[in-house]
Amino acid sequence: MTTSKKSFITIFAAILILSCLFISPSFSQEKLPPYIIGCGDVLEILTWKEEAFSIPEALVRTDGKITMPLINDVVAAGKTPEQLQKDIEVKLKDYVTNPEVTVTVRDPASHRFYILGEVQRTGEYPLTKRLTVLQAFALAGGFTEWASKKEILLVRKKDGKDITLRINYKDLADGENLENNVYIQVDDTIIVP
């Protein structure tokens, strides 16, 4: 191979690599929202060098609280693990010098979504990673033969109100209206008539 061909291949490879780094879909650069603890989640609370203030499995009750020795009930639901960590550290200062707490979500049971109607497997699904609407259909095993794939509804709570997004699966499958292939959020309900 000549030197000019090697140079061309090297430059082409470099351009290709750089284009992959700088030209990426906008959704991949989307900042993920922080995890919000919810009722039913199972947390691990570790207090460094203080086993008595560590809890391997703390269930967030339906009132949104967990119970810890001496400091009693602590509101967990609606907070990030980091916010809960700080709250516990503040309350522990009466009993421990410079408490260092780690809060880990062991089971994100509150993070669920629902698929109803003409899919193979209706029901409640755990939301353990970022999923799009198309991926949710795959989890549900696809559609039944009677599914109306052009009239799918996604119902979502936003600011205390239900909002509805109409999804046309056939458009998505044809590469059209891809902005409707939105990420699933906690408590979303997909209805396939």
C-alpha atoms as a PDB file:
ATOM      1  CA  MET A   1       0.000   0.000   0.000  1.00  0.00           C
ATOM      2  CA  THR A   2       1.386   3.398  -0.925  1.00  0.00           C
ATOM      3  CA  THR A   3       2.063   6.149   1.576  1.00  0.00           C
ATOM      4  CA  SER A   4      -0.706   8.336   0.108  1.00  0.00           C
ATOM      5  CA  LYS A   5      -3.275   5.536   0.472  1.00  0.00           C
ATOM      6  CA  LYS A   6      -2.199   4.943   4.082  1.00  0.00           C
ATOM      7  CA  SER A   7      -2.493   8.683   4.791  1.00  0.00           C
ATOM      8  CA  PHE A   8      -5.932   8.807   3.185  1.00  0.00           C
ATOM      9  CA  ILE A   9      -7.147   5.803   5.200  1.00  0.00           C
ATOM     10  CA  THR A  10      -5.727   7.279   8.420  1.00  0.00           C
ATOM     11  CA  ILE A  11      -7.376  10.670   7.800  1.00  0.00           C
ATOM     12  CA  PHE A  12     -10.685   9.023   6.812  1.00  0.00           C
ATOM     13  CA  ALA A  13     -10.661   6.865   9.980  1.00  0.00           C
ATOM     14  CA  ALA A  14      -9.914   9.916  12.138  1.00  0.00           C
ATOM     15  CA  ILE A  15     -12.797  11.871  10.565  1.00  0.00           C
ATOM     16  CA  LEU A  16     -15.129   8.928  11.041  1.00  0.00           C
ATOM     17  CA  ILE A  17     -14.192   8.570  14.721  1.00  0.00           C
ATOM     18  CA  LEU A  18     -14.529  12.313  15.366  1.00  0.00           C
ATOM     19  CA  SER A  19     -17.916  12.443  13.642  1.00  0.00           C
ATOM     20  CA  CYS A  20     -19.158   9.644  15.915  1.00  0.00           C
ATOM     21  CA  LEU A  21     -18.051  11.634  18.944  1.00  0.00           C
ATOM     22  CA  PHE A  22     -19.594  14.943  17.936  1.00  0.00           C
ATOM     23  CA  ILE A  23     -22.620  13.971  15.847  1.00  0.00           C
ATOM     24  CA  SER A  24     -24.830  11.943  18.113  1.00  0.00           C
ATOM     25  CA  PRO A  25     -28.570  11.886  18.629  1.00  0.00           C
ATOM     26  CA  SER A  26     -29.819  14.641  20.917  1.00  0.00           C
ATOM     27  CA  PHE A  27     -31.586  12.186  23.231  1.00  0.00           C
ATOM     28  CA  SER A  28     -28.305  10.469  24.085  1.00  0.00           C
ATOM     29  CA  GLN A  29     -27.014  13.765  25.483  1.00  0.00           C
ATOM     30  CA  GLU A  30     -30.214  14.381  27.426  1.00  0.00           C
ATOM     31  CA  LYS A  31     -29.493  14.796  31.113  1.00  0.00           C
ATOM     32  CA  LEU A  32     -31.177  12.078  33.118  1.00  0.00           C
ATOM     33  CA  PRO A  33     -33.412  13.287  35.938  1.00  0.00           C
ATOM     34  CA  PRO A  34     -32.303  12.327  39.452  1.00  0.00           C
ATOM     35  CA  TYR A  35     -33.853   9.249  41.015  1.00  0.00           C
ATOM     36  CA  ILE A  36     -36.760  10.188  43.278  1.00  0.00           C
ATOM     37  CA  ILE A  37     -37.499   7.760  46.112  1.00  0.00           C
ATOM     38  CA  GLY A  38     -41.074   6.522  46.234  1.00  0.00           C
ATOM     39  CA  CYS A  39     -43.349   4.422  48.416  1.00  0.00           C
ATOM     40  CA  GLY A  40     -42.475   0.739  48.172  1.00  0.00           C
ATOM     41  CA  ASP A  41     -38.799   1.303  47.399  1.00  0.00           C
ATOM     42  CA  VAL A  42     -36.312  -0.698  49.438  1.00  0.00           C
ATOM     43  CA  LEU A  43     -33.303   1.306  50.601  1.00  0.00           C
ATOM     44  CA  GLU A  44     -30.024   0.358  52.203  1.00  0.00           C
ATOM     45  CA  ILE A  45     -28.873   2.902  54.786  1.00  0.00           C
ATOM     46  CA  LEU A  46     -25.240   2.573  55.826  1.00  0.00           C
ATOM     47  CA  THR A  47     -23.702   4.757  58.503  1.00  0.00           C
ATOM     48  CA  TRP A  48     -19.930   4.490  58.417  1.00  0.00           C
ATOM     49  CA  LYS A  49     -18.499   2.887  61.580  1.00  0.00           C
ATOM     50  CA  GLU A  50     -21.966   2.882  63.189  1.00  0.00           C
ATOM     51  CA  GLU A  51     -23.608  -0.486  62.621  1.00  0.00           C
ATOM     52  CA  ALA A  52     -26.459   0.388  64.992  1.00  0.00           C
ATOM     53  CA  PHE A  53     -27.511   3.179  62.596  1.00  0.00           C
ATOM     54  CA  SER A  54     -27.243   1.036  59.465  1.00  0.00           C
ATOM     55  CA  ILE A  55     -30.258  -0.682  57.946  1.00  0.00           C
ATOM     56  CA  PRO A  56     -29.702  -3.279  55.211  1.00  0.00           C
ATOM     57  CA  GLU A  57     -33.330  -3.129  53.983  1.00  0.00           C
ATOM     58  CA  ALA A  58     -35.477  -0.118  54.806  1.00  0.00           C
ATOM     59  CA  LEU A  59     -38.901  -0.260  53.152  1.00  0.00           C
ATOM     60  CA  VAL A  60     -40.401   3.119  52.290  1.00  0.00           C
ATOM     61  CA  ARG A  61     -43.885   2.837  53.754  1.00  0.00           C
ATOM     62  CA  THR A  62     -47.083   4.059  52.132  1.00  0.00           C
ATOM     63  CA  ASP A  63     -46.822   7.259  54.211  1.00  0.00           C
ATOM     64  CA  GLY A  64     -43.439   7.902  52.535  1.00  0.00           C
ATOM     65  CA  LYS A  65     -41.341   7.355  55.657  1.00  0.00           C
ATOM     66  CA  ILE A  66     -38.697   4.969  56.926  1.00  0.00           C
ATOM     67  CA  THR A  67     -37.916   4.302  60.584  1.00  0.00           C
ATOM     68  CA  MET A  68     -34.424   4.422  62.050  1.00  0.00           C
ATOM     69  CA  PRO A  69     -33.139   3.743  65.566  1.00  0.00           C
ATOM     70  CA  LEU A  70     -33.352   6.792  67.892  1.00  0.00           C
ATOM     71  CA  ILE A  71     -34.274   9.269  65.169  1.00  0.00           C
ATOM     72  CA  ASN A  72     -37.575   7.477  64.449  1.00  0.00           C
ATOM     73  CA  ASP A  73     -39.487   8.344  61.272  1.00  0.00           C
ATOM     74  CA  VAL A  74     -37.712  10.095  58.415  1.00  0.00           C
ATOM     75  CA  VAL A  75     -39.510  11.229  55.259  1.00  0.00           C
ATOM     76  CA  ALA A  76     -37.911   9.472  52.283  1.00  0.00           C
ATOM     77  CA  ALA A  77     -40.495   9.609  49.470  1.00  0.00           C
ATOM     78  CA  GLY A  78     -40.134  12.561  47.146  1.00  0.00           C
ATOM     79  CA  LYS A  79     -36.423  12.978  47.853  1.00  0.00           C
ATOM     80  CA  THR A  80     -33.292  11.935  46.012  1.00  0.00           C
ATOM     81  CA  PRO A  81     -30.984   9.478  47.810  1.00  0.00           C
ATOM     82  CA  GLU A  82     -28.548  12.375  48.328  1.00  0.00           C
ATOM     83  CA  GLN A  83     -31.237  14.543  49.973  1.00  0.00           C
ATOM     84  CA  LEU A  84     -32.254  11.690  52.272  1.00  0.00           C
ATOM     85  CA  GLN A  85     -28.611  11.062  53.121  1.00  0.00           C
ATOM     86  CA  LYS A  86     -28.186  14.690  54.240  1.00  0.00           C
ATOM     87  CA  ASP A  87     -31.430  14.600  56.261  1.00  0.00           C
ATOM     88  CA  ILE A  88     -30.308  11.463  58.111  1.00  0.00           C
ATOM     89  CA  GLU A  89     -26.833  12.903  58.747  1.00  0.00           C
ATOM     90  CA  VAL A  90     -28.377  16.036  60.300  1.00  0.00           C
ATOM     91  CA  LYS A  91     -30.637  13.966  62.585  1.00  0.00           C
ATOM     92  CA  LEU A  92     -27.783  11.628  63.582  1.00  0.00           C
ATOM     93  CA  LYS A  93     -25.536  14.503  64.734  1.00  0.00           C
ATOM     94  CA  ASP A  94     -27.216  14.342  68.152  1.00  0.00           C
ATOM     95  CA  TYR A  95     -25.928  10.775  68.544  1.00  0.00           C
ATOM     96  CA  VAL A  96     -22.860  10.404  66.297  1.00  0.00           C
ATOM     97  CA  THR A  97     -19.895  12.713  65.734  1.00  0.00           C
ATOM     98  CA  ASN A  98     -19.624  13.576  62.020  1.00  0.00           C
ATOM     99  CA  PRO A  99     -21.955  10.871  60.707  1.00  0.00           C
ATOM    100  CA  GLU A 100     -21.297   9.689  57.172  1.00  0.00           C
ATOM    101  CA  VAL A 101     -24.341   8.065  55.624  1.00  0.00           C
ATOM    102  CA  THR A 102     -24.789   6.292  52.304  1.00  0.00           C
ATOM    103  CA  VAL A 103     -28.263   5.695  50.881  1.00  0.00           C
ATOM    104  CA  THR A 104     -28.575   3.062  48.154  1.00  0.00           C
ATOM    105  CA  VAL A 105     -31.771   2.114  46.339  1.00  0.00           C
ATOM    106  CA  ARG A 106     -31.825  -1.701  46.507  1.00  0.00           C
ATOM    107  CA  ASP A 107     -35.219  -2.218  44.882  1.00  0.00           C
ATOM    108  CA  PRO A 108     -36.823   0.635  42.908  1.00  0.00           C
ATOM    109  CA  ALA A 109     -40.298  -0.829  43.411  1.00  0.00           C
ATOM    110  CA  SER A 110     -42.040   2.546  43.050  1.00  0.00           C
ATOM    111  CA  HIS A 111     -40.743   3.013  39.519  1.00  0.00           C
ATOM    112  CA  ARG A 112     -43.319   1.205  37.389  1.00  0.00           C
ATOM    113  CA  PHE A 113     -45.307   1.774  34.230  1.00  0.00           C
ATOM    114  CA  TYR A 114     -48.383   0.066  32.815  1.00  0.00           C
ATOM    115  CA  ILE A 115     -49.460  -1.321  29.445  1.00  0.00           C
ATOM    116  CA  LEU A 116     -53.143  -2.116  28.877  1.00  0.00           C
ATOM    117  CA  GLY A 117     -55.239  -3.338  25.987  1.00  0.00           C
ATOM    118  CA  GLU A 118     -54.312  -5.242  22.863  1.00  0.00           C
ATOM    119  CA  VAL A 119     -50.776  -6.384  23.689  1.00  0.00           C
ATOM    120  CA  GLN A 120     -49.629  -9.923  24.394  1.00  0.00           C
ATOM    121  CA  ARG A 121     -48.794  -9.283  28.082  1.00  0.00           C
ATOM    122  CA  THR A 122     -50.714  -6.460  29.737  1.00  0.00           C
ATOM    123  CA  GLY A 123     -49.747  -5.351  33.199  1.00  0.00           C
ATOM    124  CA  GLU A 124     -47.336  -3.512  35.417  1.00  0.00           C
ATOM    125  CA  TYR A 125     -43.662  -3.370  34.425  1.00  0.00           C
ATOM    126  CA  PRO A 126     -40.623  -2.259  36.414  1.00  0.00           C
ATOM    127  CA  LEU A 127     -38.883   0.827  35.101  1.00  0.00           C
ATOM    128  CA  THR A 128     -35.306  -0.193  35.851  1.00  0.00           C
ATOM    129  CA  LYS A 129     -33.667   1.622  32.936  1.00  0.00           C
ATOM    130  CA  ARG A 130     -34.439   4.249  30.316  1.00  0.00           C
ATOM    131  CA  LEU A 131     -37.098   2.812  27.987  1.00  0.00           C
ATOM    132  CA  THR A 132     -38.805   4.262  24.950  1.00  0.00           C
ATOM    133  CA  VAL A 133     -42.375   3.559  23.909  1.00  0.00           C
ATOM    134  CA  LEU A 134     -41.161   1.120  21.234  1.00  0.00           C
ATOM    135  CA  GLN A 135     -39.103  -0.763  23.809  1.00  0.00           C
ATOM    136  CA  ALA A 136     -42.152  -0.929  26.092  1.00  0.00           C
ATOM    137  CA  PHE A 137     -44.135  -2.590  23.294  1.00  0.00           C
ATOM    138  CA  ALA A 138     -41.359  -5.156  22.966  1.00  0.00           C
ATOM    139  CA  LEU A 139     -41.493  -5.873  26.710  1.00  0.00           C
ATOM    140  CA  ALA A 140     -45.217  -6.484  26.401  1.00  0.00           C
ATOM    141  CA  GLY A 141     -44.584  -9.094  23.711  1.00  0.00           C
ATOM    142  CA  GLY A 142     -45.924  -7.004  20.843  1.00  0.00           C
ATOM    143  CA  PHE A 143     -49.491  -6.476  19.737  1.00  0.00           C
ATOM    144  CA  THR A 144     -52.429  -8.815  19.373  1.00  0.00           C
ATOM    145  CA  GLU A 145     -53.935  -9.194  15.916  1.00  0.00           C
ATOM    146  CA  TRP A 146     -56.800  -6.819  16.861  1.00  0.00           C
ATOM    147  CA  ALA A 147     -54.608  -3.954  18.063  1.00  0.00           C
ATOM    148  CA  SER A 148     -55.334  -0.526  16.630  1.00  0.00           C
ATOM    149  CA  LYS A 149     -51.704   0.477  16.109  1.00  0.00           C
ATOM    150  CA  LYS A 150     -52.537   3.985  14.913  1.00  0.00           C
ATOM    151  CA  GLU A 151     -54.526   5.058  17.999  1.00  0.00           C
ATOM    152  CA  ILE A 152     -52.287   4.224  20.962  1.00  0.00           C
ATOM    153  CA  LEU A 153     -52.467   6.536  23.971  1.00  0.00           C
ATOM    154  CA  LEU A 154     -49.797   7.317  26.524  1.00  0.00           C
ATOM    155  CA  VAL A 155     -51.283   8.839  29.690  1.00  0.00           C
ATOM    156  CA  ARG A 156     -48.847  10.715  31.925  1.00  0.00           C
ATOM    157  CA  LYS A 157     -49.163  12.780  35.096  1.00  0.00           C
ATOM    158  CA  LYS A 158     -47.652  16.233  34.772  1.00  0.00           C
ATOM    159  CA  ASP A 159     -48.075  18.896  37.426  1.00  0.00           C
ATOM    160  CA  GLY A 160     -50.903  16.897  38.988  1.00  0.00           C
ATOM    161  CA  LYS A 161     -52.882  16.580  35.751  1.00  0.00           C
ATOM    162  CA  ASP A 162     -53.223  13.777  33.221  1.00  0.00           C
ATOM    163  CA  ILE A 163     -51.833  14.570  29.799  1.00  0.00           C
ATOM    164  CA  THR A 164     -52.293  12.331  26.782  1.00  0.00           C
ATOM    165  CA  LEU A 165     -49.916  11.696  23.915  1.00  0.00           C
ATOM    166  CA  ARG A 166     -51.249   9.957  20.815  1.00  0.00           C
ATOM    167  CA  ILE A 167     -48.833   7.429  19.350  1.00  0.00           C
ATOM    168  CA  ASN A 168     -49.049   5.941  15.881  1.00  0.00           C
ATOM    169  CA  TYR A 169     -46.969   2.755  15.945  1.00  0.00           C
ATOM    170  CA  LYS A 170     -47.087   2.376  12.164  1.00  0.00           C
ATOM    171  CA  ASP A 171     -45.493   5.833  11.763  1.00  0.00           C
ATOM    172  CA  LEU A 172     -42.768   4.965  14.258  1.00  0.00           C
ATOM    173  CA  ALA A 173     -42.098   1.651  12.520  1.00  0.00           C
ATOM    174  CA  ASP A 174     -41.785   3.537   9.220  1.00  0.00           C
ATOM    175  CA  GLY A 175     -39.318   5.996  10.766  1.00  0.00           C
ATOM    176  CA  GLU A 176     -41.830   8.864  10.847  1.00  0.00           C
ATOM    177  CA  ASN A 177     -42.799  11.085  13.809  1.00  0.00           C
ATOM    178  CA  LEU A 178     -39.932   9.679  15.855  1.00  0.00           C
ATOM    179  CA  GLU A 179     -40.415  12.476  18.384  1.00  0.00           C
ATOM    180  CA  ASN A 180     -43.351  10.368  19.639  1.00  0.00           C
ATOM    181  CA  ASN A 181     -40.979   7.558  20.628  1.00  0.00           C
ATOM    182  CA  VAL A 182     -40.666   9.236  24.011  1.00  0.00           C
ATOM    183  CA  TYR A 183     -39.017   7.893  27.120  1.00  0.00           C
ATOM    184  CA  ILE A 184     -41.319   6.123  29.553  1.00  0.00           C
ATOM    185  CA  GLN A 185     -41.670   7.857  32.918  1.00  0.00           C
ATOM    186  CA  VAL A 186     -42.761   6.589  36.313  1.00  0.00           C
ATOM    187  CA  ASP A 187     -46.488   5.736  36.405  1.00  0.00           C
ATOM    188  CA  ASP A 188     -47.013   6.180  32.655  1.00  0.00           C
ATOM    189  CA  THR A 189     -49.912   4.152  31.269  1.00  0.00           C
ATOM    190  CA  ILE A 190     -49.916   2.994  27.654  1.00  0.00           C
ATOM    191  CA  ILE A 191     -53.311   2.032  26.263  1.00  0.00           C
ATOM    192  CA  VAL A 192     -53.468   0.015  23.037  1.00  0.00           C
ATOM    193  CA  PRO A 193     -57.101  -0.093  21.839  1.00  0.00           C
END
